[in-house]
């Protein structure tokens, strides 16, 4: 968020997990990436992609182009997010680590 590591999103067999970076939480000007993911030390868990992150993924013809060019599985939301959201509109960027 704003070119600072704000947290880490992961996916495993239990679903999706998001945890804010502790250094980010200590910043005076830290702000939540979404109202649905408030600033907390606890890990957020979801069986499906968090709506905030899912909303960053392009739709329609732009998504079709991305899926064809990068040969992305349309059911793999994490892969689509990683490939298409490195330079999103707004304050958040998604980077693979």
PDB file of N, CA and C in Angstrom:
ATOM      1  N   UNK A   1       0.857  -1.174   0.000  1.00  0.00           N
ATOM      2  CA  UNK A   1       0.000   0.000   0.000  1.00  0.00           C
ATOM      3  C   UNK A   1       0.897   1.228   0.000  1.00  0.00           C
ATOM      4  N   UNK A   2       0.688   2.103  -0.977  1.00  0.00           N
ATOM      5  CA  UNK A   2       1.534   3.300  -1.101  1.00  0.00           C
ATOM      6  C   UNK A   2       3.017   2.919  -1.137  1.00  0.00           C
ATOM      7  N   UNK A   3       3.357   1.888  -1.889  1.00  0.00           N
ATOM      8  CA  UNK A   3       4.739   1.413  -2.057  1.00  0.00           C
ATOM      9  C   UNK A   3       5.380   0.884  -0.777  1.00  0.00           C
ATOM     10  N   UNK A   4       4.575   0.460   0.180  1.00  0.00           N
ATOM     11  CA  UNK A   4       5.094  -0.153   1.408  1.00  0.00           C
ATOM     12  C   UNK A   4       4.465  -1.526   1.572  1.00  0.00           C
ATOM     13  N   UNK A   5       5.243  -2.486   2.054  1.00  0.00           N
ATOM     14  CA  UNK A   5       4.687  -3.803   2.341  1.00  0.00           C
ATOM     15  C   UNK A   5       3.663  -3.655   3.454  1.00  0.00           C
ATOM     16  N   UNK A   6       2.414  -3.946   3.144  1.00  0.00           N
ATOM     17  CA  UNK A   6       1.372  -3.808   4.163  1.00  0.00           C
ATOM     18  C   UNK A   6       0.947  -5.159   4.728  1.00  0.00           C
ATOM     19  N   UNK A   7       1.086  -6.207   3.944  1.00  0.00           N
ATOM     20  CA  UNK A   7       0.692  -7.516   4.433  1.00  0.00           C
ATOM     21  C   UNK A   7       0.965  -8.591   3.401  1.00  0.00           C
ATOM     22  N   UNK A   8       0.655  -9.822   3.795  1.00  0.00           N
ATOM     23  CA  UNK A   8       0.904 -10.964   2.920  1.00  0.00           C
ATOM     24  C   UNK A   8      -0.382 -11.769   2.759  1.00  0.00           C
ATOM     25  N   UNK A   9      -0.708 -12.029   1.495  1.00  0.00           N
ATOM     26  CA  UNK A   9      -1.858 -12.854   1.130  1.00  0.00           C
ATOM     27  C   UNK A   9      -1.322 -14.210   0.696  1.00  0.00           C
ATOM     28  N   UNK A  10      -1.850 -15.277   1.267  1.00  0.00           N
ATOM     29  CA  UNK A  10      -1.433 -16.621   0.899  1.00  0.00           C
ATOM     30  C   UNK A  10      -2.660 -17.472   0.613  1.00  0.00           C
ATOM     31  N   UNK A  11      -2.411 -18.579  -0.079  1.00  0.00           N
ATOM     32  CA  UNK A  11      -3.462 -19.552  -0.371  1.00  0.00           C
ATOM     33  C   UNK A  11      -2.924 -20.939  -0.059  1.00  0.00           C
ATOM     34  N   UNK A  12      -3.731 -21.750   0.602  1.00  0.00           N
ATOM     35  CA  UNK A  12      -3.378 -23.140   0.845  1.00  0.00           C
ATOM     36  C   UNK A  12      -4.637 -23.999   0.723  1.00  0.00           C
ATOM     37  N   UNK A  13      -4.542 -25.237   1.127  1.00  0.00           N
ATOM     38  CA  UNK A  13      -5.675 -26.149   0.977  1.00  0.00           C
ATOM     39  C   UNK A  13      -6.893 -25.744   1.805  1.00  0.00           C
ATOM     40  N   UNK A  14      -6.720 -24.849   2.781  1.00  0.00           N
ATOM     41  CA  UNK A  14      -7.829 -24.389   3.620  1.00  0.00           C
ATOM     42  C   UNK A  14      -8.458 -23.089   3.121  1.00  0.00           C
ATOM     43  N   UNK A  15      -7.874 -22.493   2.094  1.00  0.00           N
ATOM     44  CA  UNK A  15      -8.424 -21.248   1.558  1.00  0.00           C
ATOM     45  C   UNK A  15      -7.378 -20.155   1.509  1.00  0.00           C
ATOM     46  N   UNK A  16      -7.826 -18.922   1.733  1.00  0.00           N
ATOM     47  CA  UNK A  16      -6.981 -17.742   1.628  1.00  0.00           C
ATOM     48  C   UNK A  16      -6.739 -17.143   3.011  1.00  0.00           C
ATOM     49  N   UNK A  17      -5.555 -16.543   3.164  1.00  0.00           N
ATOM     50  CA  UNK A  17      -5.163 -15.948   4.439  1.00  0.00           C
ATOM     51  C   UNK A  17      -4.506 -14.602   4.147  1.00  0.00           C
ATOM     52  N   UNK A  18      -4.848 -13.604   4.955  1.00  0.00           N
ATOM     53  CA  UNK A  18      -4.196 -12.304   4.842  1.00  0.00           C
ATOM     54  C   UNK A  18      -3.780 -11.866   6.232  1.00  0.00           C
ATOM     55  N   UNK A  19      -2.523 -11.417   6.349  1.00  0.00           N
ATOM     56  CA  UNK A  19      -2.013 -10.925   7.621  1.00  0.00           C
ATOM     57  C   UNK A  19      -1.226  -9.649   7.351  1.00  0.00           C
ATOM     58  N   UNK A  20      -1.557  -8.613   8.120  1.00  0.00           N
ATOM     59  CA  UNK A  20      -0.814  -7.362   8.017  1.00  0.00           C
ATOM     60  C   UNK A  20       0.609  -7.547   8.534  1.00  0.00           C
ATOM     61  N   UNK A  21       1.547  -6.867   7.902  1.00  0.00           N
ATOM     62  CA  UNK A  21       2.928  -6.842   8.344  1.00  0.00           C
ATOM     63  C   UNK A  21       3.002  -6.038   9.643  1.00  0.00           C
ATOM     64  N   UNK A  22       3.705  -6.565  10.646  1.00  0.00           N
ATOM     65  CA  UNK A  22       3.770  -5.888  11.948  1.00  0.00           C
ATOM     66  C   UNK A  22       4.438  -4.518  11.846  1.00  0.00           C
ATOM     67  N   UNK A  23       5.444  -4.386  10.998  1.00  0.00           N
ATOM     68  CA  UNK A  23       6.097  -3.085  10.804  1.00  0.00           C
ATOM     69  C   UNK A  23       5.109  -2.079  10.223  1.00  0.00           C
ATOM     70  N   UNK A  24       4.282  -2.530   9.302  1.00  0.00           N
ATOM     71  CA  UNK A  24       3.262  -1.655   8.714  1.00  0.00           C
ATOM     72  C   UNK A  24       2.265  -1.211   9.784  1.00  0.00           C
ATOM     73  N   UNK A  25       1.837  -2.141  10.635  1.00  0.00           N
ATOM     74  CA  UNK A  25       0.869  -1.800  11.682  1.00  0.00           C
ATOM     75  C   UNK A  25       1.400  -0.756  12.652  1.00  0.00           C
ATOM     76  N   UNK A  26       2.718  -0.698  12.819  1.00  0.00           N
ATOM     77  CA  UNK A  26       3.322   0.252  13.750  1.00  0.00           C
ATOM     78  C   UNK A  26       3.450   1.665  13.171  1.00  0.00           C
ATOM     79  N   UNK A  27       3.249   1.816  11.872  1.00  0.00           N
ATOM     80  CA  UNK A  27       3.354   3.140  11.255  1.00  0.00           C
ATOM     81  C   UNK A  27       2.243   4.065  11.756  1.00  0.00           C
ATOM     82  N   UNK A  28       2.580   5.328  11.978  1.00  0.00           N
ATOM     83  CA  UNK A  28       1.576   6.299  12.428  1.00  0.00           C
ATOM     84  C   UNK A  28       0.495   6.517  11.374  1.00  0.00           C
ATOM     85  N   UNK A  29       0.897   6.445  10.107  1.00  0.00           N
ATOM     86  CA  UNK A  29      -0.057   6.707   9.036  1.00  0.00           C
ATOM     87  C   UNK A  29      -0.591   5.423   8.380  1.00  0.00           C
ATOM     88  N   UNK A  30      -0.451   4.304   9.062  1.00  0.00           N
ATOM     89  CA  UNK A  30      -0.964   3.041   8.512  1.00  0.00           C
ATOM     90  C   UNK A  30      -2.474   3.145   8.327  1.00  0.00           C
ATOM     91  N   UNK A  31      -2.928   2.627   7.208  1.00  0.00           N
ATOM     92  CA  UNK A  31      -4.360   2.605   6.952  1.00  0.00           C
ATOM     93  C   UNK A  31      -4.734   1.230   6.409  1.00  0.00           C
ATOM     94  N   UNK A  32      -5.939   0.778   6.689  1.00  0.00           N
ATOM     95  CA  UNK A  32      -6.336  -0.538   6.201  1.00  0.00           C
ATOM     96  C   UNK A  32      -6.410  -0.552   4.676  1.00  0.00           C
ATOM     97  N   UNK A  33      -6.113  -1.695   4.085  1.00  0.00           N
ATOM     98  CA  UNK A  33      -6.214  -1.784   2.636  1.00  0.00           C
ATOM     99  C   UNK A  33      -7.675  -1.837   2.210  1.00  0.00           C
ATOM    100  N   UNK A  34      -8.550  -2.197   3.146  1.00  0.00           N
ATOM    101  CA  UNK A  34      -9.983  -2.291   2.871  1.00  0.00           C
ATOM    102  C   UNK A  34     -10.745  -2.171   4.189  1.00  0.00           C
ATOM    103  N   UNK A  35     -11.959  -1.673   4.119  1.00  0.00           N
ATOM    104  CA  UNK A  35     -12.792  -1.620   5.329  1.00  0.00           C
ATOM    105  C   UNK A  35     -13.123  -3.015   5.831  1.00  0.00           C
ATOM    106  N   UNK A  36     -13.089  -3.996   4.933  1.00  0.00           N
ATOM    107  CA  UNK A  36     -13.385  -5.382   5.325  1.00  0.00           C
ATOM    108  C   UNK A  36     -12.151  -6.088   5.894  1.00  0.00           C
ATOM    109  N   UNK A  37     -10.985  -5.428   5.827  1.00  0.00           N
ATOM    110  CA  UNK A  37      -9.744  -5.956   6.398  1.00  0.00           C
ATOM    111  C   UNK A  37      -9.137  -4.873   7.294  1.00  0.00           C
ATOM    112  N   UNK A  38      -9.759  -4.632   8.470  1.00  0.00           N
ATOM    113  CA  UNK A  38      -9.281  -3.564   9.347  1.00  0.00           C
ATOM    114  C   UNK A  38      -7.884  -3.861   9.890  1.00  0.00           C
ATOM    115  N   UNK A  39      -7.197  -2.816  10.343  1.00  0.00           N
ATOM    116  CA  UNK A  39      -5.850  -2.972  10.891  1.00  0.00           C
ATOM    117  C   UNK A  39      -5.902  -3.794  12.166  1.00  0.00           C
ATOM    118  N   UNK A  40      -5.444  -5.018  12.087  1.00  0.00           N
ATOM    119  CA  UNK A  40      -5.407  -5.941  13.227  1.00  0.00           C
ATOM    120  C   UNK A  40      -4.199  -6.849  13.078  1.00  0.00           C
ATOM    121  N   UNK A  41      -3.692  -7.350  14.203  1.00  0.00           N
ATOM    122  CA  UNK A  41      -2.567  -8.276  14.161  1.00  0.00           C
ATOM    123  C   UNK A  41      -3.004  -9.686  13.775  1.00  0.00           C
ATOM    124  N   UNK A  42      -4.271 -10.000  13.964  1.00  0.00           N
ATOM    125  CA  UNK A  42      -4.741 -11.360  13.678  1.00  0.00           C
ATOM    126  C   UNK A  42      -4.740 -11.645  12.183  1.00  0.00           C
ATOM    127  N   UNK A  43      -4.681 -12.913  11.856  1.00  0.00           N
ATOM    128  CA  UNK A  43      -4.744 -13.320  10.454  1.00  0.00           C
ATOM    129  C   UNK A  43      -6.207 -13.460  10.041  1.00  0.00           C
ATOM    130  N   UNK A  44      -6.531 -12.933   8.884  1.00  0.00           N
ATOM    131  CA  UNK A  44      -7.866 -13.069   8.318  1.00  0.00           C
ATOM    132  C   UNK A  44      -7.880 -14.337   7.473  1.00  0.00           C
ATOM    133  N   UNK A  45      -8.978 -15.088   7.533  1.00  0.00           N
ATOM    134  CA  UNK A  45      -9.094 -16.332   6.781  1.00  0.00           C
ATOM    135  C   UNK A  45     -10.401 -16.361   6.016  1.00  0.00           C
ATOM    136  N   UNK A  46     -10.367 -16.983   4.831  1.00  0.00           N
ATOM    137  CA  UNK A  46     -11.568 -17.095   4.011  1.00  0.00           C
ATOM    138  C   UNK A  46     -11.441 -18.321   3.110  1.00  0.00           C
ATOM    139  N   UNK A  47     -12.536 -19.001   2.880  1.00  0.00           N
ATOM    140  CA  UNK A  47     -12.544 -20.156   1.970  1.00  0.00           C
ATOM    141  C   UNK A  47     -12.420 -19.707   0.512  1.00  0.00           C
ATOM    142  N   UNK A  48     -12.851 -18.494   0.216  1.00  0.00           N
ATOM    143  CA  UNK A  48     -12.769 -17.938  -1.142  1.00  0.00           C
ATOM    144  C   UNK A  48     -11.906 -16.678  -1.099  1.00  0.00           C
ATOM    145  N   UNK A  49     -11.462 -16.227  -2.264  1.00  0.00           N
ATOM    146  CA  UNK A  49     -10.646 -15.009  -2.346  1.00  0.00           C
ATOM    147  C   UNK A  49     -11.389 -13.861  -1.660  1.00  0.00           C
ATOM    148  N   UNK A  50     -10.690 -13.119  -0.826  1.00  0.00           N
ATOM    149  CA  UNK A  50     -11.295 -11.973  -0.146  1.00  0.00           C
ATOM    150  C   UNK A  50     -11.875 -11.026  -1.196  1.00  0.00           C
ATOM    151  N   UNK A  51     -13.083 -10.528  -0.976  1.00  0.00           N
ATOM    152  CA  UNK A  51     -13.720  -9.654  -1.973  1.00  0.00           C
ATOM    153  C   UNK A  51     -12.852  -8.469  -2.387  1.00  0.00           C
ATOM    154  N   UNK A  52     -12.094  -7.885  -1.460  1.00  0.00           N
ATOM    155  CA  UNK A  52     -11.235  -6.758  -1.830  1.00  0.00           C
ATOM    156  C   UNK A  52     -10.243  -7.162  -2.915  1.00  0.00           C
ATOM    157  N   UNK A  53      -9.544  -8.273  -2.719  1.00  0.00           N
ATOM    158  CA  UNK A  53      -8.549  -8.726  -3.690  1.00  0.00           C
ATOM    159  C   UNK A  53      -9.216  -9.198  -4.976  1.00  0.00           C
ATOM    160  N   UNK A  54     -10.322  -9.881  -4.856  1.00  0.00           N
ATOM    161  CA  UNK A  54     -11.039 -10.352  -6.039  1.00  0.00           C
ATOM    162  C   UNK A  54     -11.502  -9.167  -6.890  1.00  0.00           C
ATOM    163  N   UNK A  55     -11.843  -8.071  -6.237  1.00  0.00           N
ATOM    164  CA  UNK A  55     -12.285  -6.876  -6.949  1.00  0.00           C
ATOM    165  C   UNK A  55     -11.177  -6.182  -7.733  1.00  0.00           C
ATOM    166  N   UNK A  56      -9.923  -6.490  -7.423  1.00  0.00           N
ATOM    167  CA  UNK A  56      -8.806  -5.912  -8.164  1.00  0.00           C
ATOM    168  C   UNK A  56      -8.603  -6.588  -9.517  1.00  0.00           C
ATOM    169  N   UNK A  57      -9.105  -7.814  -9.651  1.00  0.00           N
ATOM    170  CA  UNK A  57      -8.912  -8.583 -10.880  1.00  0.00           C
ATOM    171  C   UNK A  57      -9.750  -7.973 -11.996  1.00  0.00           C
ATOM    172  N   UNK A  58      -9.131  -7.793 -13.185  1.00  0.00           N
ATOM    173  CA  UNK A  58      -9.897  -7.223 -14.304  1.00  0.00           C
ATOM    174  C   UNK A  58     -11.076  -8.114 -14.687  1.00  0.00           C
ATOM    175  N   UNK A  59     -12.010  -7.518 -15.389  1.00  0.00           N
ATOM    176  CA  UNK A  59     -13.215  -8.248 -15.813  1.00  0.00           C
ATOM    177  C   UNK A  59     -13.382  -8.135 -17.322  1.00  0.00           C
ATOM    178  N   UNK A  60     -14.310  -8.896 -17.833  1.00  0.00           N
ATOM    179  CA  UNK A  60     -14.715  -8.785 -19.230  1.00  0.00           C
ATOM    180  C   UNK A  60     -13.603  -9.073 -20.213  1.00  0.00           C
ATOM    181  N   UNK A  61     -13.550  -8.253 -21.265  1.00  0.00           N
ATOM    182  CA  UNK A  61     -12.603  -8.481 -22.355  1.00  0.00           C
ATOM    183  C   UNK A  61     -11.155  -8.382 -21.895  1.00  0.00           C
ATOM    184  N   UNK A  62     -10.890  -7.534 -20.889  1.00  0.00           N
ATOM    185  CA  UNK A  62      -9.526  -7.406 -20.390  1.00  0.00           C
ATOM    186  C   UNK A  62      -9.070  -8.692 -19.690  1.00  0.00           C
ATOM    187  N   UNK A  63      -9.968  -9.290 -18.925  1.00  0.00           N
ATOM    188  CA  UNK A  63      -9.670 -10.572 -18.286  1.00  0.00           C
ATOM    189  C   UNK A  63      -9.476 -11.660 -19.335  1.00  0.00           C
ATOM    190  N   UNK A  64     -10.318 -11.664 -20.364  1.00  0.00           N
ATOM    191  CA  UNK A  64     -10.188 -12.648 -21.450  1.00  0.00           C
ATOM    192  C   UNK A  64      -8.813 -12.558 -22.110  1.00  0.00           C
ATOM    193  N   UNK A  65      -8.362 -11.341 -22.381  1.00  0.00           N
ATOM    194  CA  UNK A  65      -7.047 -11.137 -23.005  1.00  0.00           C
ATOM    195  C   UNK A  65      -5.942 -11.656 -22.089  1.00  0.00           C
ATOM    196  N   UNK A  66      -6.010 -11.320 -20.804  1.00  0.00           N
ATOM    197  CA  UNK A  66      -4.987 -11.756 -19.847  1.00  0.00           C
ATOM    198  C   UNK A  66      -4.942 -13.281 -19.757  1.00  0.00           C
ATOM    199  N   UNK A  67      -6.113 -13.914 -19.693  1.00  0.00           N
ATOM    200  CA  UNK A  67      -6.162 -15.371 -19.582  1.00  0.00           C
ATOM    201  C   UNK A  67      -5.585 -16.043 -20.827  1.00  0.00           C
ATOM    202  N   UNK A  68      -5.857 -15.494 -21.983  1.00  0.00           N
ATOM    203  CA  UNK A  68      -5.343 -16.071 -23.233  1.00  0.00           C
ATOM    204  C   UNK A  68      -3.842 -15.840 -23.370  1.00  0.00           C
ATOM    205  N   UNK A  69      -3.379 -14.623 -23.124  1.00  0.00           N
ATOM    206  CA  UNK A  69      -1.960 -14.292 -23.294  1.00  0.00           C
ATOM    207  C   UNK A  69      -1.060 -15.028 -22.311  1.00  0.00           C
ATOM    208  N   UNK A  70      -1.492 -15.133 -21.053  1.00  0.00           N
ATOM    209  CA  UNK A  70      -0.675 -15.773 -20.029  1.00  0.00           C
ATOM    210  C   UNK A  70      -1.091 -17.222 -19.772  1.00  0.00           C
ATOM    211  N   UNK A  71      -2.071 -17.709 -20.529  1.00  0.00           N
ATOM    212  CA  UNK A  71      -2.577 -19.074 -20.364  1.00  0.00           C
ATOM    213  C   UNK A  71      -2.956 -19.347 -18.905  1.00  0.00           C
ATOM    214  N   UNK A  72      -3.778 -18.465 -18.358  1.00  0.00           N
ATOM    215  CA  UNK A  72      -4.204 -18.561 -16.963  1.00  0.00           C
ATOM    216  C   UNK A  72      -5.448 -19.424 -16.828  1.00  0.00           C
ATOM    217  N   UNK A  73      -5.490 -20.208 -15.780  1.00  0.00           N
ATOM    218  CA  UNK A  73      -6.666 -21.006 -15.459  1.00  0.00           C
ATOM    219  C   UNK A  73      -7.732 -20.052 -14.906  1.00  0.00           C
ATOM    220  N   UNK A  74      -8.900 -19.960 -15.543  1.00  0.00           N
ATOM    221  CA  UNK A  74      -9.919 -19.012 -15.085  1.00  0.00           C
ATOM    222  C   UNK A  74     -10.430 -19.295 -13.665  1.00  0.00           C
ATOM    223  N   UNK A  75     -10.180 -20.490 -13.146  1.00  0.00           N
ATOM    224  CA  UNK A  75     -10.618 -20.817 -11.774  1.00  0.00           C
ATOM    225  C   UNK A  75      -9.562 -20.490 -10.727  1.00  0.00           C
ATOM    226  N   UNK A  76      -8.339 -20.187 -11.153  1.00  0.00           N
ATOM    227  CA  UNK A  76      -7.247 -19.915 -10.220  1.00  0.00           C
ATOM    228  C   UNK A  76      -7.148 -18.411  -9.970  1.00  0.00           C
ATOM    229  N   UNK A  77      -7.939 -17.936  -9.025  1.00  0.00           N
ATOM    230  CA  UNK A  77      -8.021 -16.501  -8.756  1.00  0.00           C
ATOM    231  C   UNK A  77      -6.693 -15.932  -8.248  1.00  0.00           C
ATOM    232  N   UNK A  78      -5.931 -16.722  -7.485  1.00  0.00           N
ATOM    233  CA  UNK A  78      -4.653 -16.239  -6.974  1.00  0.00           C
ATOM    234  C   UNK A  78      -3.678 -16.012  -8.127  1.00  0.00           C
ATOM    235  N   UNK A  79      -3.584 -16.931  -9.053  1.00  0.00           N
ATOM    236  CA  UNK A  79      -2.695 -16.779 -10.201  1.00  0.00           C
ATOM    237  C   UNK A  79      -3.092 -15.564 -11.039  1.00  0.00           C
ATOM    238  N   UNK A  80      -4.376 -15.398 -11.255  1.00  0.00           N
ATOM    239  CA  UNK A  80      -4.854 -14.236 -12.023  1.00  0.00           C
ATOM    240  C   UNK A  80      -4.510 -12.944 -11.294  1.00  0.00           C
ATOM    241  N   UNK A  81      -4.714 -12.917  -9.987  1.00  0.00           N
ATOM    242  CA  UNK A  81      -4.379 -11.736  -9.181  1.00  0.00           C
ATOM    243  C   UNK A  81      -2.894 -11.404  -9.293  1.00  0.00           C
ATOM    244  N   UNK A  82      -2.040 -12.408  -9.159  1.00  0.00           N
ATOM    245  CA  UNK A  82      -0.595 -12.186  -9.215  1.00  0.00           C
ATOM    246  C   UNK A  82      -0.138 -11.684 -10.578  1.00  0.00           C
ATOM    247  N   UNK A  83      -0.742 -12.169 -11.642  1.00  0.00           N
ATOM    248  CA  UNK A  83      -0.319 -11.793 -12.994  1.00  0.00           C
ATOM    249  C   UNK A  83      -0.882 -10.448 -13.448  1.00  0.00           C
ATOM    250  N   UNK A  84      -2.079 -10.096 -12.995  1.00  0.00           N
ATOM    251  CA  UNK A  84      -2.748  -8.918 -13.547  1.00  0.00           C
ATOM    252  C   UNK A  84      -2.778  -7.699 -12.623  1.00  0.00           C
ATOM    253  N   UNK A  85      -2.375  -7.839 -11.372  1.00  0.00           N
ATOM    254  CA  UNK A  85      -2.562  -6.740 -10.418  1.00  0.00           C
ATOM    255  C   UNK A  85      -1.265  -6.196  -9.839  1.00  0.00           C
ATOM    256  N   UNK A  86      -0.197  -6.257 -10.614  1.00  0.00           N
ATOM    257  CA  UNK A  86       1.061  -5.700 -10.127  1.00  0.00           C
ATOM    258  C   UNK A  86       1.054  -4.176 -10.157  1.00  0.00           C
ATOM    259  N   UNK A  87       0.262  -3.601 -11.017  1.00  0.00           N
ATOM    260  CA  UNK A  87       0.180  -2.140 -11.123  1.00  0.00           C
ATOM    261  C   UNK A  87      -1.288  -1.746 -11.223  1.00  0.00           C
ATOM    262  N   UNK A  88      -1.981  -1.852 -10.108  1.00  0.00           N
ATOM    263  CA  UNK A  88      -3.422  -1.574 -10.072  1.00  0.00           C
ATOM    264  C   UNK A  88      -3.682  -0.069 -10.007  1.00  0.00           C
ATOM    265  N   UNK A  89      -4.881   0.297 -10.361  1.00  0.00           N
ATOM    266  CA  UNK A  89      -5.331   1.668 -10.123  1.00  0.00           C
ATOM    267  C   UNK A  89      -5.559   1.794  -8.624  1.00  0.00           C
ATOM    268  N   UNK A  90      -5.057   2.845  -8.023  1.00  0.00           N
ATOM    269  CA  UNK A  90      -5.248   3.050  -6.604  1.00  0.00           C
ATOM    270  C   UNK A  90      -3.957   2.853  -5.825  1.00  0.00           C
ATOM    271  N   UNK A  91      -4.081   2.697  -4.522  1.00  0.00           N
ATOM    272  CA  UNK A  91      -2.929   2.676  -3.618  1.00  0.00           C
ATOM    273  C   UNK A  91      -2.314   1.297  -3.448  1.00  0.00           C
ATOM    274  N   UNK A  92      -2.995   0.237  -3.884  1.00  0.00           N
ATOM    275  CA  UNK A  92      -2.539  -1.127  -3.623  1.00  0.00           C
ATOM    276  C   UNK A  92      -1.932  -1.745  -4.873  1.00  0.00           C
ATOM    277  N   UNK A  93      -0.820  -2.444  -4.689  1.00  0.00           N
ATOM    278  CA  UNK A  93      -0.201  -3.240  -5.751  1.00  0.00           C
ATOM    279  C   UNK A  93       0.034  -4.637  -5.190  1.00  0.00           C
ATOM    280  N   UNK A  94      -0.044  -5.628  -6.053  1.00  0.00           N
ATOM    281  CA  UNK A  94       0.170  -7.015  -5.661  1.00  0.00           C
ATOM    282  C   UNK A  94       1.509  -7.460  -6.239  1.00  0.00           C
ATOM    283  N   UNK A  95       2.393  -7.947  -5.376  1.00  0.00           N
ATOM    284  CA  UNK A  95       3.699  -8.417  -5.814  1.00  0.00           C
ATOM    285  C   UNK A  95       3.942  -9.810  -5.263  1.00  0.00           C
ATOM    286  N   UNK A  96       4.449 -10.685  -6.118  1.00  0.00           N
ATOM    287  CA  UNK A  96       4.768 -12.044  -5.700  1.00  0.00           C
ATOM    288  C   UNK A  96       6.096 -12.026  -4.942  1.00  0.00           C
ATOM    289  N   UNK A  97       6.148 -12.756  -3.826  1.00  0.00           N
ATOM    290  CA  UNK A  97       7.413 -12.858  -3.072  1.00  0.00           C
ATOM    291  C   UNK A  97       7.869 -14.292  -3.048  1.00  0.00           C
TER     292      UNK A  97
END
